[in-house]
Amino acid sequence: MTRARLKTSLYESMQYLKTKKDIVSYLDAALEDGDHAVIRHAFNVVAQSRGIAPLERNLGSRRRDMSSALEASGKLKLTTALKILHSLGLRLQTKHPNL
């Protein structure tokens, strides 16, 4: 019996972040997960999907500073995350499922 070869391709989540609604849903899922690495990765993907250079210009940050905060070993600070959200025209908001 011959087995069929399975073809795979790299999944690039940033290609699915076309609208602000897509970005909000993606970040909400990461925040709900609660793992710092997942949240940092999500912000990295969002920043790359919109272009890090324009974000840096809006934030007044140097590219190396932004990139180091978003890389796998980086420490994403709340202030940086809020600046990224603001630059994208978004805001951080809390909600309760029963309210």
Protein backbone atom coordinates (compact mmCIF):
# COMPACT_ATOMS: atom_id res chain seq x y z
CA MET A 1 0.00 0.00 0.00
CA THR A 2 1.37 3.38 -1.02
CA ARG A 3 0.89 6.30 1.31
CA ALA A 4 0.01 9.67 -0.12
CA ARG A 5 2.46 12.40 0.76
CA LEU A 6 1.07 15.16 2.90
CA LYS A 7 1.95 18.61 1.65
CA THR A 8 2.21 21.33 4.24
CA SER A 9 2.93 25.01 4.13
CA LEU A 10 4.00 27.57 6.68
CA TYR A 11 1.10 29.27 8.44
CA GLU A 12 1.60 33.02 8.52
CA SER A 13 -1.09 34.52 10.75
CA MET A 14 -0.20 38.06 9.72
CA GLN A 15 -1.61 37.47 6.24
CA TYR A 16 -5.07 37.11 7.83
CA LEU A 17 -4.92 40.43 9.67
CA LYS A 18 -6.51 42.56 7.00
CA THR A 19 -8.91 44.72 9.03
CA LYS A 20 -8.98 46.32 12.46
CA LYS A 21 -11.63 43.77 13.42
CA ASP A 22 -9.18 40.97 12.52
CA ILE A 23 -6.48 42.60 14.64
CA VAL A 24 -8.81 43.11 17.60
CA SER A 25 -9.98 39.48 17.48
CA TYR A 26 -6.39 38.25 17.23
CA LEU A 27 -5.18 40.36 20.16
CA ASP A 28 -8.27 39.47 22.23
CA ALA A 29 -7.50 35.79 21.80
CA ALA A 30 -3.88 36.32 22.85
CA LEU A 31 -4.89 38.37 25.89
CA GLU A 32 -7.45 35.76 26.86
CA ASP A 33 -4.72 33.11 26.74
CA GLY A 34 -2.83 35.17 29.30
CA ASP A 35 0.64 33.82 28.50
CA HIS A 36 3.16 36.66 28.18
CA ALA A 37 4.95 34.94 25.27
CA VAL A 38 1.67 34.51 23.37
CA ILE A 39 0.70 38.15 23.96
CA ARG A 40 4.15 39.43 22.94
CA HIS A 41 4.07 37.25 19.82
CA ALA A 42 0.61 38.56 18.90
CA PHE A 43 1.77 42.17 19.22
CA ASN A 44 4.81 41.29 17.11
CA VAL A 45 2.61 39.77 14.38
CA VAL A 46 0.28 42.77 14.43
CA ALA A 47 3.20 45.22 14.26
CA GLN A 48 4.74 43.34 11.35
CA SER A 49 1.40 43.14 9.54
CA ARG A 50 1.13 46.93 9.68
CA GLY A 51 4.82 47.60 9.21
CA ILE A 52 7.12 48.22 12.12
CA ALA A 53 8.69 51.35 10.61
CA PRO A 54 5.41 53.35 10.46
CA LEU A 55 4.60 52.26 14.01
CA GLU A 56 8.00 53.39 15.20
CA ARG A 57 7.53 56.78 13.56
CA ASN A 58 4.16 57.15 15.31
CA LEU A 59 5.61 56.03 18.62
CA GLY A 60 8.83 58.01 18.39
CA SER A 61 10.77 54.80 19.01
CA ARG A 62 13.94 53.55 17.47
CA ARG A 63 13.54 50.40 15.39
CA ARG A 64 15.91 48.44 17.60
CA ASP A 65 13.92 49.35 20.73
CA MET A 66 10.63 48.22 19.20
CA SER A 67 12.10 45.09 17.68
CA SER A 68 13.82 44.05 20.91
CA ALA A 69 10.56 44.45 22.87
CA LEU A 70 8.71 42.26 20.38
CA GLU A 71 11.30 39.53 19.76
CA ALA A 72 10.94 36.07 21.32
CA SER A 73 13.21 36.85 24.28
CA GLY A 74 11.98 40.43 24.63
CA LYS A 75 9.94 41.91 27.45
CA LEU A 76 6.86 43.67 26.14
CA LYS A 77 5.94 46.38 28.61
CA LEU A 78 2.38 47.55 29.06
CA THR A 79 3.39 51.08 28.06
CA THR A 80 4.79 49.77 24.76
CA ALA A 81 1.69 47.65 24.11
CA LEU A 82 -0.56 50.65 24.78
CA LYS A 83 1.50 52.82 22.44
CA ILE A 84 1.21 50.19 19.70
CA LEU A 85 -2.56 49.99 20.19
CA HIS A 86 -2.86 53.79 20.14
CA SER A 87 -0.77 53.98 16.98
CA LEU A 88 -3.19 51.53 15.34
CA GLY A 89 -6.20 53.57 16.47
CA LEU A 90 -7.13 50.96 19.09
CA ARG A 91 -7.42 51.00 22.87
CA LEU A 92 -7.23 48.48 25.66
CA GLN A 93 -10.57 47.89 27.30
CA THR A 94 -11.80 45.58 30.04
CA LYS A 95 -15.05 43.67 29.89
CA HIS A 96 -16.96 41.20 31.97
CA PRO A 97 -18.80 38.37 30.18
CA ASN A 98 -21.97 38.89 32.24
CA LEU A 99 -22.21 42.66 31.92
